C-alpha atoms as a PDB file:
ATOM      1  CA  UNK A   1      48.498  34.900   1.634  1.00  0.00           C
ATOM      2  CA  UNK A   2      45.340  35.674  -0.671  1.00  0.00           C
ATOM      3  CA  UNK A   3      46.607  33.498  -3.087  1.00  0.00           C
ATOM      4  CA  UNK A   4      47.585  30.317  -0.561  1.00  0.00           C
ATOM      5  CA  UNK A   5      43.768  30.441   0.840  1.00  0.00           C
ATOM      6  CA  UNK A   6      42.239  30.903  -3.006  1.00  0.00           C
ATOM      7  CA  UNK A   7      44.382  27.965  -3.381  1.00  0.00           C
ATOM      8  CA  UNK A   8      42.683  26.301   0.096  1.00  0.00           C
ATOM      9  CA  UNK A   9      38.826  27.064  -1.360  1.00  0.00           C
ATOM     10  CA  UNK A  10      39.273  25.936  -4.726  1.00  0.00           C
ATOM     11  CA  UNK A  11      40.712  22.543  -3.433  1.00  0.00           C
ATOM     12  CA  UNK A  12      38.120  22.553  -0.841  1.00  0.00           C
ATOM     13  CA  UNK A  13      35.634  23.533  -3.809  1.00  0.00           C
ATOM     14  CA  UNK A  14      36.833  20.145  -5.778  1.00  0.00           C
ATOM     15  CA  UNK A  15      36.557  18.014  -2.836  1.00  0.00           C
ATOM     16  CA  UNK A  16      32.768  18.761  -1.909  1.00  0.00           C
ATOM     17  CA  UNK A  17      32.207  18.089  -5.656  1.00  0.00           C
ATOM     18  CA  UNK A  18      34.215  14.917  -5.762  1.00  0.00           C
ATOM     19  CA  UNK A  19      32.306  13.890  -2.946  1.00  0.00           C
ATOM     20  CA  UNK A  20      28.862  14.902  -4.523  1.00  0.00           C
ATOM     21  CA  UNK A  21      29.556  13.250  -7.535  1.00  0.00           C
ATOM     22  CA  UNK A  22      30.835   9.797  -5.338  1.00  0.00           C
ATOM     23  CA  UNK A  23      27.885   9.802  -3.492  1.00  0.00           C
ATOM     24  CA  UNK A  24      25.554  10.185  -6.533  1.00  0.00           C
ATOM     25  CA  UNK A  25      27.129   7.279  -7.997  1.00  0.00           C
ATOM     26  CA  UNK A  26      26.671   5.158  -5.014  1.00  0.00           C
ATOM     27  CA  UNK A  27      23.163   5.603  -4.788  1.00  0.00           C
ATOM     28  CA  UNK A  28      22.951   4.835  -9.113  1.00  0.00           C
ATOM     29  CA  UNK A  29      24.077   1.716  -8.513  1.00  0.00           C
ATOM     30  CA  UNK A  30      21.845   1.198  -5.397  1.00  0.00           C
ATOM     31  CA  UNK A  31      19.035   2.298  -6.544  1.00  0.00           C
ATOM     32  CA  UNK A  32      19.985   0.316 -10.576  1.00  0.00           C
ATOM     33  CA  UNK A  33      20.712  -3.067  -7.670  1.00  0.00           C
ATOM     34  CA  UNK A  34      16.974  -2.679  -6.753  1.00  0.00           C
ATOM     35  CA  UNK A  35      15.629  -2.190 -10.109  1.00  0.00           C
ATOM     36  CA  UNK A  36      17.208  -5.325 -11.232  1.00  0.00           C
ATOM     37  CA  UNK A  37      14.453  -7.741 -10.467  1.00  0.00           C
ATOM     38  CA  UNK A  38      11.884  -5.212 -12.493  1.00  0.00           C
ATOM     39  CA  UNK A  39      13.986  -5.156 -15.765  1.00  0.00           C
ATOM     40  CA  UNK A  40      14.681  -8.440 -15.761  1.00  0.00           C
ATOM     41  CA  UNK A  41      10.326  -9.076 -15.329  1.00  0.00           C
ATOM     42  CA  UNK A  42       9.536  -6.448 -18.365  1.00  0.00           C
ATOM     43  CA  UNK A  43      13.030  -7.127 -20.853  1.00  0.00           C
ATOM     44  CA  UNK A  44      11.429 -11.444 -20.169  1.00  0.00           C
ATOM     45  CA  UNK A  45       7.625 -10.010 -20.634  1.00  0.00           C
ATOM     46  CA  UNK A  46       9.165  -8.993 -23.928  1.00  0.00           C
ATOM     47  CA  UNK A  47      11.002 -12.417 -24.656  1.00  0.00           C
ATOM     48  CA  UNK A  48      10.354 -15.175 -26.751  1.00  0.00           C
ATOM     49  CA  UNK A  49       9.802 -17.799 -25.159  1.00  0.00           C
ATOM     50  CA  UNK A  50      13.235 -20.176 -26.355  1.00  0.00           C
ATOM     51  CA  UNK A  51      15.885 -16.755 -25.343  1.00  0.00           C
ATOM     52  CA  UNK A  52      14.640 -17.175 -21.439  1.00  0.00           C
ATOM     53  CA  UNK A  53      15.671 -20.883 -21.557  1.00  0.00           C
ATOM     54  CA  UNK A  54      18.781 -19.722 -23.465  1.00  0.00           C
ATOM     55  CA  UNK A  55      22.491 -20.347 -22.038  1.00  0.00           C
ATOM     56  CA  UNK A  56      24.333 -18.225 -22.079  1.00  0.00           C
ATOM     57  CA  UNK A  57      21.485 -16.395 -20.475  1.00  0.00           C
ATOM     58  CA  UNK A  58      20.507 -12.944 -22.878  1.00  0.00           C
ATOM     59  CA  UNK A  59      19.312  -9.571 -20.597  1.00  0.00           C
ATOM     60  CA  UNK A  60      17.666  -7.863 -23.458  1.00  0.00           C
ATOM     61  CA  UNK A  61      15.118  -9.463 -25.952  1.00  0.00           C
ATOM     62  CA  UNK A  62      16.662  -9.302 -29.517  1.00  0.00           C
ATOM     63  CA  UNK A  63      13.452  -8.310 -30.843  1.00  0.00           C
ATOM     64  CA  UNK A  64      10.054  -7.386 -29.043  1.00  0.00           C
ATOM     65  CA  UNK A  65       7.604  -9.961 -28.474  1.00  0.00           C
ATOM     66  CA  UNK A  66       4.066  -8.798 -26.655  1.00  0.00           C
ATOM     67  CA  UNK A  67       2.064 -11.631 -27.745  1.00  0.00           C
ATOM     68  CA  UNK A  68       2.656 -12.408 -23.597  1.00  0.00           C
ATOM     69  CA  UNK A  69       0.414  -9.277 -22.554  1.00  0.00           C
ATOM     70  CA  UNK A  70      -1.905 -10.390 -25.170  1.00  0.00           C
ATOM     71  CA  UNK A  71      -2.282 -14.317 -24.000  1.00  0.00           C
ATOM     72  CA  UNK A  72      -1.730 -12.770 -20.026  1.00  0.00           C
ATOM     73  CA  UNK A  73      -4.657 -10.207 -20.275  1.00  0.00           C
ATOM     74  CA  UNK A  74      -7.717 -13.188 -20.033  1.00  0.00           C
ATOM     75  CA  UNK A  75     -11.465 -13.253 -19.217  1.00  0.00           C
ATOM     76  CA  UNK A  76      -9.691 -14.663 -16.216  1.00  0.00           C
ATOM     77  CA  UNK A  77      -7.394 -12.072 -14.865  1.00  0.00           C
ATOM     78  CA  UNK A  78     -10.515  -9.024 -15.970  1.00  0.00           C
ATOM     79  CA  UNK A  79     -12.430 -11.497 -13.309  1.00  0.00           C
ATOM     80  CA  UNK A  80      -9.943 -11.737 -10.837  1.00  0.00           C
ATOM     81  CA  UNK A  81      -9.221  -7.336 -11.448  1.00  0.00           C
ATOM     82  CA  UNK A  82     -12.815  -6.755 -10.903  1.00  0.00           C
ATOM     83  CA  UNK A  83     -13.324  -8.748  -7.361  1.00  0.00           C
ATOM     84  CA  UNK A  84      -9.802  -7.227  -6.679  1.00  0.00           C
ATOM     85  CA  UNK A  85     -11.425  -3.278  -7.842  1.00  0.00           C
ATOM     86  CA  UNK A  86     -14.495  -4.610  -5.339  1.00  0.00           C
ATOM     87  CA  UNK A  87     -12.081  -5.284  -2.382  1.00  0.00           C
ATOM     88  CA  UNK A  88      -9.102  -2.981  -2.012  1.00  0.00           C
ATOM     89  CA  UNK A  89     -12.141   0.261  -3.364  1.00  0.00           C
ATOM     90  CA  UNK A  90     -14.283  -0.717  -0.297  1.00  0.00           C
ATOM     91  CA  UNK A  91     -11.666  -0.834   2.066  1.00  0.00           C
ATOM     92  CA  UNK A  92      -9.221   2.691   0.586  1.00  0.00           C
ATOM     93  CA  UNK A  93     -12.568   4.790   0.911  1.00  0.00           C
ATOM     94  CA  UNK A  94     -14.096   3.254   4.152  1.00  0.00           C
ATOM     95  CA  UNK A  95     -11.055   2.256   6.240  1.00  0.00           C
ATOM     96  CA  UNK A  96     -10.163   6.178   5.859  1.00  0.00           C
ATOM     97  CA  UNK A  97     -13.707   7.406   6.985  1.00  0.00           C
ATOM     98  CA  UNK A  98     -13.770   5.003   9.588  1.00  0.00           C
ATOM     99  CA  UNK A  99     -10.446   5.167  10.924  1.00  0.00           C
ATOM    100  CA  UNK A 100     -10.832   8.952  11.226  1.00  0.00           C
ATOM    101  CA  UNK A 101     -13.989   8.613  13.510  1.00  0.00           C
ATOM    102  CA  UNK A 102     -12.267   6.798  15.991  1.00  0.00           C
ATOM    103  CA  UNK A 103      -9.121   8.521  15.777  1.00  0.00           C
ATOM    104  CA  UNK A 104     -11.636  12.127  16.500  1.00  0.00           C
ATOM    105  CA  UNK A 105     -13.103   9.830  19.085  1.00  0.00           C
ATOM    106  CA  UNK A 106     -10.418   9.349  20.958  1.00  0.00           C
ATOM    107  CA  UNK A 107      -8.190  12.920  20.431  1.00  0.00           C
ATOM    108  CA  UNK A 108     -10.984  15.383  20.800  1.00  0.00           C
ATOM    109  CA  UNK A 109     -14.572  13.762  22.132  1.00  0.00           C
ATOM    110  CA  UNK A 110     -13.786  13.529  26.548  1.00  0.00           C
ATOM    111  CA  UNK A 111     -15.918  10.407  27.773  1.00  0.00           C
ATOM    112  CA  UNK A 112     -15.156   8.389  30.586  1.00  0.00           C
ATOM    113  CA  UNK A 113     -12.719   5.487  30.028  1.00  0.00           C
ATOM    114  CA  UNK A 114     -10.839   6.616  27.057  1.00  0.00           C
ATOM    115  CA  UNK A 115      -7.618   6.339  27.678  1.00  0.00           C
ATOM    116  CA  UNK A 116      -8.420   2.892  29.043  1.00  0.00           C
ATOM    117  CA  UNK A 117      -9.987   1.957  25.775  1.00  0.00           C
ATOM    118  CA  UNK A 118      -7.275   3.960  23.705  1.00  0.00           C
ATOM    119  CA  UNK A 119      -4.735   1.733  26.037  1.00  0.00           C
ATOM    120  CA  UNK A 120      -6.992  -1.581  25.599  1.00  0.00           C
ATOM    121  CA  UNK A 121      -6.832  -1.012  21.076  1.00  0.00           C
ATOM    122  CA  UNK A 122      -3.449  -0.281  21.279  1.00  0.00           C
ATOM    123  CA  UNK A 123      -2.671  -3.672  23.216  1.00  0.00           C
ATOM    124  CA  UNK A 124      -4.572  -5.518  19.920  1.00  0.00           C
ATOM    125  CA  UNK A 125      -1.028  -4.376  18.529  1.00  0.00           C
ATOM    126  CA  UNK A 126       0.586  -6.981  20.594  1.00  0.00           C
ATOM    127  CA  UNK A 127      -1.670 -10.062  19.128  1.00  0.00           C
ATOM    128  CA  UNK A 128      -0.115 -11.840  16.592  1.00  0.00           C
ATOM    129  CA  UNK A 129      -2.365 -11.612  13.106  1.00  0.00           C
ATOM    130  CA  UNK A 130      -2.438 -15.822  13.022  1.00  0.00           C
ATOM    131  CA  UNK A 131      -3.885 -15.714  16.195  1.00  0.00           C
ATOM    132  CA  UNK A 132      -6.829 -14.607  15.478  1.00  0.00           C
ATOM    133  CA  UNK A 133      -6.889 -16.214  11.903  1.00  0.00           C
ATOM    134  CA  UNK A 134      -8.937 -19.053  13.610  1.00  0.00           C
ATOM    135  CA  UNK A 135     -11.533 -17.545  15.648  1.00  0.00           C
ATOM    136  CA  UNK A 136     -12.315 -14.763  13.087  1.00  0.00           C
ATOM    137  CA  UNK A 137     -12.694 -17.753  10.532  1.00  0.00           C
ATOM    138  CA  UNK A 138     -14.567 -19.895  13.277  1.00  0.00           C
ATOM    139  CA  UNK A 139     -17.214 -16.139  13.019  1.00  0.00           C
ATOM    140  CA  UNK A 140     -17.148 -15.685   9.462  1.00  0.00           C
ATOM    141  CA  UNK A 141     -18.068 -19.541   8.402  1.00  0.00           C
ATOM    142  CA  UNK A 142     -20.677 -19.063  11.553  1.00  0.00           C
ATOM    143  CA  UNK A 143     -22.227 -16.226   9.182  1.00  0.00           C
ATOM    144  CA  UNK A 144     -21.957 -17.488   6.344  1.00  0.00           C
ATOM    145  CA  UNK A 145     -19.355 -15.131   5.352  1.00  0.00           C
ATOM    146  CA  UNK A 146     -16.966 -17.765   4.101  1.00  0.00           C
ATOM    147  CA  UNK A 147     -16.078 -18.419   0.103  1.00  0.00           C
ATOM    148  CA  UNK A 148     -17.115 -14.560  -0.377  1.00  0.00           C
ATOM    149  CA  UNK A 149     -15.744 -11.384  -0.896  1.00  0.00           C
ATOM    150  CA  UNK A 150     -16.806  -9.849   2.327  1.00  0.00           C
ATOM    151  CA  UNK A 151     -14.215 -11.382   5.019  1.00  0.00           C
ATOM    152  CA  UNK A 152     -11.921  -9.233   3.113  1.00  0.00           C
ATOM    153  CA  UNK A 153     -13.900  -6.077   3.040  1.00  0.00           C
ATOM    154  CA  UNK A 154     -15.768  -5.910   6.250  1.00  0.00           C
ATOM    155  CA  UNK A 155     -13.558  -4.740   8.590  1.00  0.00           C
ATOM    156  CA  UNK A 156     -13.022  -1.436   6.759  1.00  0.00           C
ATOM    157  CA  UNK A 157     -15.775  -0.312   8.428  1.00  0.00           C
ATOM    158  CA  UNK A 158     -14.232  -1.183  11.910  1.00  0.00           C
ATOM    159  CA  UNK A 159     -11.927   1.528  11.633  1.00  0.00           C
ATOM    160  CA  UNK A 160      -8.788  -0.303   9.895  1.00  0.00           C
ATOM    161  CA  UNK A 161      -6.590  -1.751  12.558  1.00  0.00           C
ATOM    162  CA  UNK A 162      -4.642  -0.279  16.104  1.00  0.00           C
ATOM    163  CA  UNK A 163      -2.244   1.623  13.831  1.00  0.00           C
ATOM    164  CA  UNK A 164      -4.346   3.386  11.666  1.00  0.00           C
ATOM    165  CA  UNK A 165      -6.451   4.713  14.304  1.00  0.00           C
ATOM    166  CA  UNK A 166      -3.032   5.700  15.913  1.00  0.00           C
ATOM    167  CA  UNK A 167      -1.609   7.843  13.426  1.00  0.00           C
ATOM    168  CA  UNK A 168      -4.909   9.575  12.920  1.00  0.00           C
ATOM    169  CA  UNK A 169      -5.518   9.793  16.834  1.00  0.00           C
ATOM    170  CA  UNK A 170      -1.881  11.813  17.439  1.00  0.00           C
ATOM    171  CA  UNK A 171      -2.747  13.668  13.647  1.00  0.00           C
ATOM    172  CA  UNK A 172      -5.912  15.483  15.499  1.00  0.00           C
ATOM    173  CA  UNK A 173      -4.261  15.968  18.845  1.00  0.00           C
ATOM    174  CA  UNK A 174      -2.381  18.577  17.099  1.00  0.00           C
ATOM    175  CA  UNK A 175      -5.389  20.493  15.912  1.00  0.00           C
ATOM    176  CA  UNK A 176      -5.766  23.385  17.931  1.00  0.00           C
ATOM    177  CA  UNK A 177      -9.440  22.584  19.987  1.00  0.00           C
ATOM    178  CA  UNK A 178      -9.978  26.737  19.269  1.00  0.00           C
ATOM    179  CA  UNK A 179     -11.008  25.706  15.628  1.00  0.00           C
ATOM    180  CA  UNK A 180     -13.849  23.556  17.189  1.00  0.00           C
ATOM    181  CA  UNK A 181     -15.340  25.303  19.684  1.00  0.00           C
ATOM    182  CA  UNK A 182     -15.588  28.122  16.778  1.00  0.00           C
ATOM    183  CA  UNK A 183     -17.372  25.937  14.760  1.00  0.00           C
ATOM    184  CA  UNK A 184     -19.891  24.173  17.586  1.00  0.00           C
ATOM    185  CA  UNK A 185     -20.269  28.896  18.715  1.00  0.00           C
ATOM    186  CA  UNK A 186     -21.791  28.849  14.686  1.00  0.00           C
ATOM    187  CA  UNK A 187     -24.111  25.714  15.680  1.00  0.00           C
ATOM    188  CA  UNK A 188     -22.332  22.699  13.733  1.00  0.00           C
ATOM    189  CA  UNK A 189     -22.754  19.015  15.193  1.00  0.00           C
ATOM    190  CA  UNK A 190     -20.164  16.569  15.661  1.00  0.00           C
ATOM    191  CA  UNK A 191     -20.598  14.868  11.852  1.00  0.00           C
ATOM    192  CA  UNK A 192     -20.074  18.357  10.341  1.00  0.00           C
ATOM    193  CA  UNK A 193     -16.946  19.260  12.240  1.00  0.00           C
ATOM    194  CA  UNK A 194     -15.871  15.630  11.920  1.00  0.00           C
ATOM    195  CA  UNK A 195     -15.969  15.636   7.369  1.00  0.00           C
ATOM    196  CA  UNK A 196     -16.175  19.707   7.105  1.00  0.00           C
ATOM    197  CA  UNK A 197     -13.751  20.967   9.573  1.00  0.00           C
ATOM    198  CA  UNK A 198     -11.243  17.906  10.841  1.00  0.00           C
ATOM    199  CA  UNK A 199     -11.002  16.013   7.094  1.00  0.00           C
ATOM    200  CA  UNK A 200      -9.702  18.326   5.076  1.00  0.00           C
ATOM    201  CA  UNK A 201      -7.118  19.435   8.212  1.00  0.00           C
ATOM    202  CA  UNK A 202      -6.072  15.597   8.269  1.00  0.00           C
ATOM    203  CA  UNK A 203      -5.824  15.496   4.858  1.00  0.00           C
ATOM    204  CA  UNK A 204      -2.112  14.387   4.890  1.00  0.00           C
ATOM    205  CA  UNK A 205      -2.456  11.290   7.257  1.00  0.00           C
ATOM    206  CA  UNK A 206      -6.005  10.625   5.599  1.00  0.00           C
ATOM    207  CA  UNK A 207      -4.191   9.922   2.453  1.00  0.00           C
ATOM    208  CA  UNK A 208      -1.630   8.402   3.770  1.00  0.00           C
ATOM    209  CA  UNK A 209      -3.850   5.951   5.208  1.00  0.00           C
ATOM    210  CA  UNK A 210      -5.624   5.379   2.016  1.00  0.00           C
ATOM    211  CA  UNK A 211      -2.642   4.744  -0.079  1.00  0.00           C
ATOM    212  CA  UNK A 212      -1.322   2.418   2.614  1.00  0.00           C
ATOM    213  CA  UNK A 213      -4.765   0.335   2.622  1.00  0.00           C
ATOM    214  CA  UNK A 214      -4.797   0.468  -1.278  1.00  0.00           C
ATOM    215  CA  UNK A 215      -1.407  -1.431  -0.947  1.00  0.00           C
ATOM    216  CA  UNK A 216      -2.388  -3.656   1.223  1.00  0.00           C
ATOM    217  CA  UNK A 217      -5.281  -4.984  -0.019  1.00  0.00           C
ATOM    218  CA  UNK A 218      -4.009  -4.812  -3.324  1.00  0.00           C
ATOM    219  CA  UNK A 219      -1.000  -7.611  -2.326  1.00  0.00           C
ATOM    220  CA  UNK A 220      -3.130  -9.708  -0.063  1.00  0.00           C
ATOM    221  CA  UNK A 221      -2.591 -12.658  -0.670  1.00  0.00           C
ATOM    222  CA  UNK A 222      -2.701 -14.787   2.221  1.00  0.00           C
ATOM    223  CA  UNK A 223      -6.140 -13.796   3.549  1.00  0.00           C
ATOM    224  CA  UNK A 224      -8.043 -14.705   0.108  1.00  0.00           C
ATOM    225  CA  UNK A 225      -6.540 -18.000   0.190  1.00  0.00           C
ATOM    226  CA  UNK A 226      -8.017 -18.645   3.399  1.00  0.00           C
ATOM    227  CA  UNK A 227     -11.761 -17.384   3.153  1.00  0.00           C
ATOM    228  CA  UNK A 228     -12.406 -17.418  -0.961  1.00  0.00           C
ATOM    229  CA  UNK A 229     -12.234 -20.843  -2.396  1.00  0.00           C
ATOM    230  CA  UNK A 230     -14.491 -20.087  -5.642  1.00  0.00           C
ATOM    231  CA  UNK A 231     -12.508 -19.380  -8.563  1.00  0.00           C
ATOM    232  CA  UNK A 232     -15.168 -16.448  -8.987  1.00  0.00           C
ATOM    233  CA  UNK A 233     -14.710 -14.238  -6.016  1.00  0.00           C
ATOM    234  CA  UNK A 234     -10.463 -14.924  -6.336  1.00  0.00           C
ATOM    235  CA  UNK A 235      -8.821 -11.882  -6.549  1.00  0.00           C
ATOM    236  CA  UNK A 236      -5.661 -10.841  -8.270  1.00  0.00           C
ATOM    237  CA  UNK A 237      -2.848 -12.059  -6.424  1.00  0.00           C
ATOM    238  CA  UNK A 238      -4.820 -15.497  -4.664  1.00  0.00           C
ATOM    239  CA  UNK A 239      -6.122 -15.874  -8.900  1.00  0.00           C
ATOM    240  CA  UNK A 240      -2.735 -15.466 -10.552  1.00  0.00           C
ATOM    241  CA  UNK A 241      -1.477 -18.026  -7.880  1.00  0.00           C
ATOM    242  CA  UNK A 242      -3.910 -20.714  -8.982  1.00  0.00           C
ATOM    243  CA  UNK A 243      -3.338 -19.786 -12.551  1.00  0.00           C
ATOM    244  CA  UNK A 244      -0.173 -19.562 -13.189  1.00  0.00           C
ATOM    245  CA  UNK A 245       2.121 -21.420  -9.744  1.00  0.00           C
ATOM    246  CA  UNK A 246      -0.408 -24.138  -8.182  1.00  0.00           C
ATOM    247  CA  UNK A 247       0.438 -28.156  -8.698  1.00  0.00           C
ATOM    248  CA  UNK A 248      -1.605 -28.944 -11.509  1.00  0.00           C
ATOM    249  CA  UNK A 249      -2.194 -25.547 -12.993  1.00  0.00           C
ATOM    250  CA  UNK A 250      -2.088 -25.014 -16.552  1.00  0.00           C
ATOM    251  CA  UNK A 251       1.097 -25.034 -18.343  1.00  0.00           C
ATOM    252  CA  UNK A 252       1.376 -22.130 -19.914  1.00  0.00           C
ATOM    253  CA  UNK A 253       4.612 -20.213 -21.932  1.00  0.00           C
ATOM    254  CA  UNK A 254       6.792 -18.305 -19.228  1.00  0.00           C
ATOM    255  CA  UNK A 255       6.706 -15.029 -20.811  1.00  0.00           C
ATOM    256  CA  UNK A 256       3.275 -14.881 -20.299  1.00  0.00           C
ATOM    257  CA  UNK A 257       3.843 -15.436 -16.648  1.00  0.00           C
ATOM    258  CA  UNK A 258       6.025 -12.621 -17.144  1.00  0.00           C
ATOM    259  CA  UNK A 259       3.433 -10.507 -19.027  1.00  0.00           C
ATOM    260  CA  UNK A 260       1.259 -11.604 -15.963  1.00  0.00           C
ATOM    261  CA  UNK A 261       3.448  -9.727 -13.062  1.00  0.00           C
ATOM    262  CA  UNK A 262       4.017  -6.675 -14.884  1.00  0.00           C
ATOM    263  CA  UNK A 263       0.296  -5.815 -15.584  1.00  0.00           C
ATOM    264  CA  UNK A 264      -0.127  -6.670 -11.868  1.00  0.00           C
ATOM    265  CA  UNK A 265       3.024  -4.247 -10.986  1.00  0.00           C
ATOM    266  CA  UNK A 266       1.589  -1.370 -12.769  1.00  0.00           C
ATOM    267  CA  UNK A 267      -1.091  -0.335 -10.031  1.00  0.00           C
ATOM    268  CA  UNK A 268       1.734  -0.381  -7.593  1.00  0.00           C
ATOM    269  CA  UNK A 269       3.362   1.599  -9.382  1.00  0.00           C
ATOM    270  CA  UNK A 270       1.135   4.174 -10.924  1.00  0.00           C
ATOM    271  CA  UNK A 271      -0.163   5.049  -7.170  1.00  0.00           C
ATOM    272  CA  UNK A 272       3.587   5.672  -5.861  1.00  0.00           C
ATOM    273  CA  UNK A 273       4.146   7.441  -9.014  1.00  0.00           C
ATOM    274  CA  UNK A 274       1.111   9.768  -8.276  1.00  0.00           C
ATOM    275  CA  UNK A 275       1.020   9.583  -3.866  1.00  0.00           C
ATOM    276  CA  UNK A 276       4.644  10.157  -3.368  1.00  0.00           C
ATOM    277  CA  UNK A 277       5.094  12.995  -2.351  1.00  0.00           C
ATOM    278  CA  UNK A 278       1.476  12.867  -0.068  1.00  0.00           C
ATOM    279  CA  UNK A 279       3.102   9.770   1.470  1.00  0.00           C
ATOM    280  CA  UNK A 280       6.455  11.221   2.699  1.00  0.00           C
ATOM    281  CA  UNK A 281       4.391  14.444   3.953  1.00  0.00           C
ATOM    282  CA  UNK A 282       1.885  12.468   6.002  1.00  0.00           C
ATOM    283  CA  UNK A 283       4.777  10.294   7.252  1.00  0.00           C
ATOM    284  CA  UNK A 284       6.085  13.715   8.586  1.00  0.00           C
ATOM    285  CA  UNK A 285       3.565  15.282   9.499  1.00  0.00           C
ATOM    286  CA  UNK A 286       2.270  12.525  11.585  1.00  0.00           C
ATOM    287  CA  UNK A 287       5.745  11.292  12.937  1.00  0.00           C
ATOM    288  CA  UNK A 288       6.423  15.577  14.658  1.00  0.00           C
ATOM    289  CA  UNK A 289       3.403  14.860  16.465  1.00  0.00           C
ATOM    290  CA  UNK A 290       3.459  11.726  18.317  1.00  0.00           C
END
C-alpha cells in the first residue's frame, strides 16, 4: 500500500512540474509575441536601409550600424525633448500635490455640501474628453495661451482630473482619524498635516499618480497638436510626427526613424523598470480601499 501511495505521489509531483513547465512556456511565448514589435524596432534601428527593404526580410542585421542614432539625436530632437521635459516635469510634480490637497479635503475635511461636490466631481467622468476640446480651446484662445506650453500644464494646478482625485480620496479615507487628531493636539495646522503626515502615508498612491501622469503627458499627442503650431514649442510626440511622418516631411533614411522611435521609447522603459513595484502596490492598495 505504501508503494502504491509513493507511486501516486511521484506521479502527482511529475504532473505538477509538467503543468508548471507548460504554463511558463506559454507565458514565454506570449511575452515574445508582445515584445516582437520592440525587437523589430531595435534591430532595424541598427540596420542599413538596404537590409530593411530587402526581400525576404531580415530579422537581425548582418552588421551593426549606429549612424541612425547620431542622425536622429539632433538639435531639433533636443528642442522637442526640452519642451517635453518642461511639460512632463510640471505635471508630474504638481498633479500629485494638488490631487493630494483635493483628496484630503474630500476625505478628511468636513464641510457643508462635501458629498454633493464629490458627486459633481465624479459626474465629470461621464463627459467625453473630445466634447471639452472646443470650449477649452476658446477659453485658452481668449486668455492668449494658445501656441504655448501653458495649455499642456495649466490643468496640473487643479487636481489633475476626477479619477486621480477619486483614488487619492479613497486611499486617504483608510488612514485613521486618530493620527490627524493627535497632530492637531500637537498644534499642527492643515498644511502641516497634509504634507508632513498624509503625504508620506499616501506615498504608494502618490507615486502611482505621478508615474501615470508622466506616461500620459509624455505620450500626449492630441493636446499638443491642437494648441501648438509653432515649432519652437513642439513636444516629442508632435515634433516627431512633423519631422518624419507628416505630408511634406523631409526624406530621411528609415533606420533613422527607427532609431528615433527607440530613443523616444527609452524613458518609458526606464520609468517602468524603476517604478514597477510602486505601480503594482499603488494599484493594489488603492483598490483595497474602494
